C-alpha atoms as a PDB file:
ATOM      1  CA  UNK A   1      -9.420   6.295   6.144  1.00  0.00           C
ATOM      2  CA  UNK A   2     -11.353   3.146   6.906  1.00  0.00           C
ATOM      3  CA  UNK A   3      -9.184   0.265   8.120  1.00  0.00           C
ATOM      4  CA  UNK A   4      -5.451   0.056   7.552  1.00  0.00           C
ATOM      5  CA  UNK A   5      -3.304   2.842   8.884  1.00  0.00           C
ATOM      6  CA  UNK A   6      -4.305   4.899  11.896  1.00  0.00           C
ATOM      7  CA  UNK A   7      -2.728   8.050  10.501  1.00  0.00           C
ATOM      8  CA  UNK A   8      -4.787  11.213  10.630  1.00  0.00           C
ATOM      9  CA  UNK A   9      -3.667  11.969   7.086  1.00  0.00           C
ATOM     10  CA  UNK A  10      -5.945  10.902   4.259  1.00  0.00           C
ATOM     11  CA  UNK A  11      -4.616   8.226   1.936  1.00  0.00           C
ATOM     12  CA  UNK A  12      -2.521   9.677  -0.868  1.00  0.00           C
ATOM     13  CA  UNK A  13      -2.542  13.107   0.760  1.00  0.00           C
ATOM     14  CA  UNK A  14      -0.407  15.049  -1.676  1.00  0.00           C
ATOM     15  CA  UNK A  15       0.031  18.748  -2.048  1.00  0.00           C
ATOM     16  CA  UNK A  16      -0.702  19.279  -5.705  1.00  0.00           C
ATOM     17  CA  UNK A  17       0.652  22.102  -7.809  1.00  0.00           C
ATOM     18  CA  UNK A  18      -0.635  24.870 -10.016  1.00  0.00           C
ATOM     19  CA  UNK A  19      -4.295  25.232 -10.817  1.00  0.00           C
ATOM     20  CA  UNK A  20      -5.266  21.989  -9.096  1.00  0.00           C
ATOM     21  CA  UNK A  21      -3.859  23.224  -5.804  1.00  0.00           C
ATOM     22  CA  UNK A  22      -5.790  26.491  -6.110  1.00  0.00           C
ATOM     23  CA  UNK A  23      -8.979  24.616  -7.006  1.00  0.00           C
ATOM     24  CA  UNK A  24      -8.592  22.325  -3.971  1.00  0.00           C
ATOM     25  CA  UNK A  25      -7.857  25.319  -1.758  1.00  0.00           C
ATOM     26  CA  UNK A  26     -10.988  27.119  -3.005  1.00  0.00           C
ATOM     27  CA  UNK A  27     -13.104  23.982  -2.544  1.00  0.00           C
ATOM     28  CA  UNK A  28     -11.676  23.628   0.961  1.00  0.00           C
ATOM     29  CA  UNK A  29     -12.737  27.161   1.864  1.00  0.00           C
ATOM     30  CA  UNK A  30     -16.215  26.683   0.340  1.00  0.00           C
ATOM     31  CA  UNK A  31     -16.647  23.444   2.302  1.00  0.00           C
ATOM     32  CA  UNK A  32     -15.415  25.078   5.497  1.00  0.00           C
ATOM     33  CA  UNK A  33     -17.835  27.996   4.988  1.00  0.00           C
ATOM     34  CA  UNK A  34     -20.736  25.575   4.456  1.00  0.00           C
ATOM     35  CA  UNK A  35     -19.721  23.703   7.606  1.00  0.00           C
ATOM     36  CA  UNK A  36     -19.645  26.898   9.645  1.00  0.00           C
ATOM     37  CA  UNK A  37     -23.027  27.974   8.268  1.00  0.00           C
ATOM     38  CA  UNK A  38     -24.349  24.498   9.072  1.00  0.00           C
ATOM     39  CA  UNK A  39     -23.455  25.023  12.719  1.00  0.00           C
ATOM     40  CA  UNK A  40     -26.130  27.727  12.840  1.00  0.00           C
ATOM     41  CA  UNK A  41     -28.736  26.438  10.361  1.00  0.00           C
ATOM     42  CA  UNK A  42     -30.579  23.318  11.461  1.00  0.00           C
ATOM     43  CA  UNK A  43     -31.070  21.889   7.957  1.00  0.00           C
ATOM     44  CA  UNK A  44     -27.446  22.123   6.830  1.00  0.00           C
ATOM     45  CA  UNK A  45     -24.962  19.545   8.153  1.00  0.00           C
ATOM     46  CA  UNK A  46     -21.685  20.652   9.686  1.00  0.00           C
ATOM     47  CA  UNK A  47     -19.371  17.682  10.159  1.00  0.00           C
ATOM     48  CA  UNK A  48     -19.465  16.334   6.613  1.00  0.00           C
ATOM     49  CA  UNK A  49     -18.454  19.722   5.224  1.00  0.00           C
ATOM     50  CA  UNK A  50     -15.587  19.955   7.728  1.00  0.00           C
ATOM     51  CA  UNK A  51     -14.439  16.463   6.696  1.00  0.00           C
ATOM     52  CA  UNK A  52     -14.588  17.516   3.044  1.00  0.00           C
ATOM     53  CA  UNK A  53     -12.706  20.744   3.837  1.00  0.00           C
ATOM     54  CA  UNK A  54      -9.954  18.754   5.579  1.00  0.00           C
ATOM     55  CA  UNK A  55      -9.744  16.490   2.522  1.00  0.00           C
ATOM     56  CA  UNK A  56      -9.271  19.431   0.157  1.00  0.00           C
ATOM     57  CA  UNK A  57      -6.873  21.234   2.504  1.00  0.00           C
ATOM     58  CA  UNK A  58      -4.871  17.995   2.764  1.00  0.00           C
ATOM     59  CA  UNK A  59      -4.241  18.328  -0.956  1.00  0.00           C
ATOM     60  CA  UNK A  60      -3.580  22.059  -1.014  1.00  0.00           C
ATOM     61  CA  UNK A  61      -2.420  23.395   2.373  1.00  0.00           C
ATOM     62  CA  UNK A  62      -0.902  21.290   5.151  1.00  0.00           C
ATOM     63  CA  UNK A  63      -1.194  24.271   7.488  1.00  0.00           C
ATOM     64  CA  UNK A  64      -4.978  24.607   7.030  1.00  0.00           C
ATOM     65  CA  UNK A  65      -5.482  20.851   7.275  1.00  0.00           C
ATOM     66  CA  UNK A  66      -3.469  20.818  10.512  1.00  0.00           C
ATOM     67  CA  UNK A  67      -5.609  23.664  11.916  1.00  0.00           C
ATOM     68  CA  UNK A  68      -8.785  21.660  11.348  1.00  0.00           C
ATOM     69  CA  UNK A  69      -7.303  18.481  12.815  1.00  0.00           C
ATOM     70  CA  UNK A  70      -5.999  20.358  15.875  1.00  0.00           C
ATOM     71  CA  UNK A  71      -9.257  22.240  16.514  1.00  0.00           C
ATOM     72  CA  UNK A  72     -10.780  21.034  19.818  1.00  0.00           C
ATOM     73  CA  UNK A  73     -14.363  20.768  18.424  1.00  0.00           C
ATOM     74  CA  UNK A  74     -13.843  20.141  14.716  1.00  0.00           C
ATOM     75  CA  UNK A  75     -10.773  17.916  14.819  1.00  0.00           C
ATOM     76  CA  UNK A  76     -11.991  14.829  16.715  1.00  0.00           C
ATOM     77  CA  UNK A  77     -14.875  13.968  14.335  1.00  0.00           C
ATOM     78  CA  UNK A  78     -12.603  14.371  11.301  1.00  0.00           C
ATOM     79  CA  UNK A  79      -9.878  12.212  12.864  1.00  0.00           C
ATOM     80  CA  UNK A  80     -12.424   9.549  13.927  1.00  0.00           C
ATOM     81  CA  UNK A  81     -13.803   9.431  10.402  1.00  0.00           C
ATOM     82  CA  UNK A  82     -10.351   9.170   8.840  1.00  0.00           C
ATOM     83  CA  UNK A  83      -9.076   6.522  11.236  1.00  0.00           C
ATOM     84  CA  UNK A  84     -12.144   4.348  11.655  1.00  0.00           C
ATOM     85  CA  UNK A  85     -14.971   5.602   9.478  1.00  0.00           C
ATOM     86  CA  UNK A  86     -16.620   6.292  12.833  1.00  0.00           C
ATOM     87  CA  UNK A  87     -19.381   8.679  13.884  1.00  0.00           C
ATOM     88  CA  UNK A  88     -20.072   9.492  17.541  1.00  0.00           C
ATOM     89  CA  UNK A  89     -23.408   8.592  19.112  1.00  0.00           C
ATOM     90  CA  UNK A  90     -24.162  12.278  19.670  1.00  0.00           C
ATOM     91  CA  UNK A  91     -23.493  13.076  16.009  1.00  0.00           C
ATOM     92  CA  UNK A  92     -25.683  10.177  14.900  1.00  0.00           C
ATOM     93  CA  UNK A  93     -28.572  11.489  16.987  1.00  0.00           C
ATOM     94  CA  UNK A  94     -28.061  15.032  15.694  1.00  0.00           C
ATOM     95  CA  UNK A  95     -27.879  13.844  12.072  1.00  0.00           C
ATOM     96  CA  UNK A  96     -31.007  11.717  12.277  1.00  0.00           C
ATOM     97  CA  UNK A  97     -32.910  14.426  14.136  1.00  0.00           C
ATOM     98  CA  UNK A  98     -31.864  16.975  11.508  1.00  0.00           C
ATOM     99  CA  UNK A  99     -32.981  14.675   8.702  1.00  0.00           C
ATOM    100  CA  UNK A 100     -36.355  14.087  10.346  1.00  0.00           C
ATOM    101  CA  UNK A 101     -36.808  17.809  10.952  1.00  0.00           C
ATOM    102  CA  UNK A 102     -35.812  18.600   7.365  1.00  0.00           C
ATOM    103  CA  UNK A 103     -38.299  16.069   6.016  1.00  0.00           C
ATOM    104  CA  UNK A 104     -41.059  17.476   8.228  1.00  0.00           C
ATOM    105  CA  UNK A 105     -40.369  21.007   6.983  1.00  0.00           C
ATOM    106  CA  UNK A 106     -40.304  19.753   3.377  1.00  0.00           C
ATOM    107  CA  UNK A 107     -43.546  17.842   3.847  1.00  0.00           C
ATOM    108  CA  UNK A 108     -45.474  20.523   5.738  1.00  0.00           C
ATOM    109  CA  UNK A 109     -44.364  23.655   3.912  1.00  0.00           C
ATOM    110  CA  UNK A 110     -43.794  22.386   0.392  1.00  0.00           C
ATOM    111  CA  UNK A 111     -46.930  20.286  -0.033  1.00  0.00           C
ATOM    112  CA  UNK A 112     -45.008  17.998  -2.397  1.00  0.00           C
ATOM    113  CA  UNK A 113     -46.586  15.418  -4.664  1.00  0.00           C
ATOM    114  CA  UNK A 114     -46.600  11.858  -3.291  1.00  0.00           C
ATOM    115  CA  UNK A 115     -43.768  10.854  -5.646  1.00  0.00           C
ATOM    116  CA  UNK A 116     -41.478  13.600  -4.296  1.00  0.00           C
ATOM    117  CA  UNK A 117     -42.431  12.824  -0.695  1.00  0.00           C
ATOM    118  CA  UNK A 118     -41.576   9.177  -1.267  1.00  0.00           C
ATOM    119  CA  UNK A 119     -38.271   9.941  -3.012  1.00  0.00           C
ATOM    120  CA  UNK A 120     -37.240  12.366  -0.278  1.00  0.00           C
ATOM    121  CA  UNK A 121     -38.218   9.877   2.434  1.00  0.00           C
ATOM    122  CA  UNK A 122     -36.311   7.058   0.704  1.00  0.00           C
ATOM    123  CA  UNK A 123     -33.187   9.222   0.340  1.00  0.00           C
ATOM    124  CA  UNK A 124     -33.294  10.334   3.959  1.00  0.00           C
ATOM    125  CA  UNK A 125     -33.932   6.816   5.244  1.00  0.00           C
ATOM    126  CA  UNK A 126     -30.964   5.540   3.237  1.00  0.00           C
ATOM    127  CA  UNK A 127     -28.823   8.373   4.608  1.00  0.00           C
ATOM    128  CA  UNK A 128     -29.954   7.710   8.176  1.00  0.00           C
ATOM    129  CA  UNK A 129     -29.216   3.988   7.788  1.00  0.00           C
ATOM    130  CA  UNK A 130     -25.716   4.817   6.563  1.00  0.00           C
ATOM    131  CA  UNK A 131     -25.125   7.117   9.554  1.00  0.00           C
ATOM    132  CA  UNK A 132     -26.438   4.756  12.225  1.00  0.00           C
ATOM    133  CA  UNK A 133     -24.547   1.750  10.866  1.00  0.00           C
ATOM    134  CA  UNK A 134     -21.147   3.473  11.121  1.00  0.00           C
ATOM    135  CA  UNK A 135     -19.147   2.406  14.164  1.00  0.00           C
ATOM    136  CA  UNK A 136     -18.690   4.706  17.122  1.00  0.00           C
ATOM    137  CA  UNK A 137     -15.144   6.052  17.640  1.00  0.00           C
ATOM    138  CA  UNK A 138     -13.016   3.654  19.670  1.00  0.00           C
ATOM    139  CA  UNK A 139     -12.285   6.428  22.201  1.00  0.00           C
ATOM    140  CA  UNK A 140     -16.033   6.775  22.830  1.00  0.00           C
ATOM    141  CA  UNK A 141     -16.439   3.006  23.261  1.00  0.00           C
ATOM    142  CA  UNK A 142     -13.438   2.827  25.602  1.00  0.00           C
ATOM    143  CA  UNK A 143     -14.782   5.688  27.748  1.00  0.00           C
ATOM    144  CA  UNK A 144     -18.120   3.907  28.029  1.00  0.00           C
ATOM    145  CA  UNK A 145     -16.455   0.634  29.061  1.00  0.00           C
ATOM    146  CA  UNK A 146     -14.393   2.421  31.729  1.00  0.00           C
ATOM    147  CA  UNK A 147     -17.551   3.623  33.473  1.00  0.00           C
END
């Protein structure tokens, strides 16, 4: 959550019933799988899929949501995003590097028409601007100030 409460729970986190709960649970597992795959494939992001998985698990399974939030590697970025809309400096560098690499692969191997190159570049630039303009987590800023 951006602003307001500092809870690690998403706003309106409600365990839904019936088919909706099963749909959210399935979407949570798909997102988690994509996040895990993204840890090994350079063109697929990891953190955003883990954030999405935590969102869906927050609406279908408190236990699975809690596991993500408590995970030593996956939990801190999700909590920072929920509390502050923040992205760490390391994640920003990784995201922008991945976008640049992905564009280079697209450009060099796909031989796209100029229109598609321009559209892809514009989309990636907009995405990179969004990432780099997010604040850093307060814990990261405090650690830097303590040095």
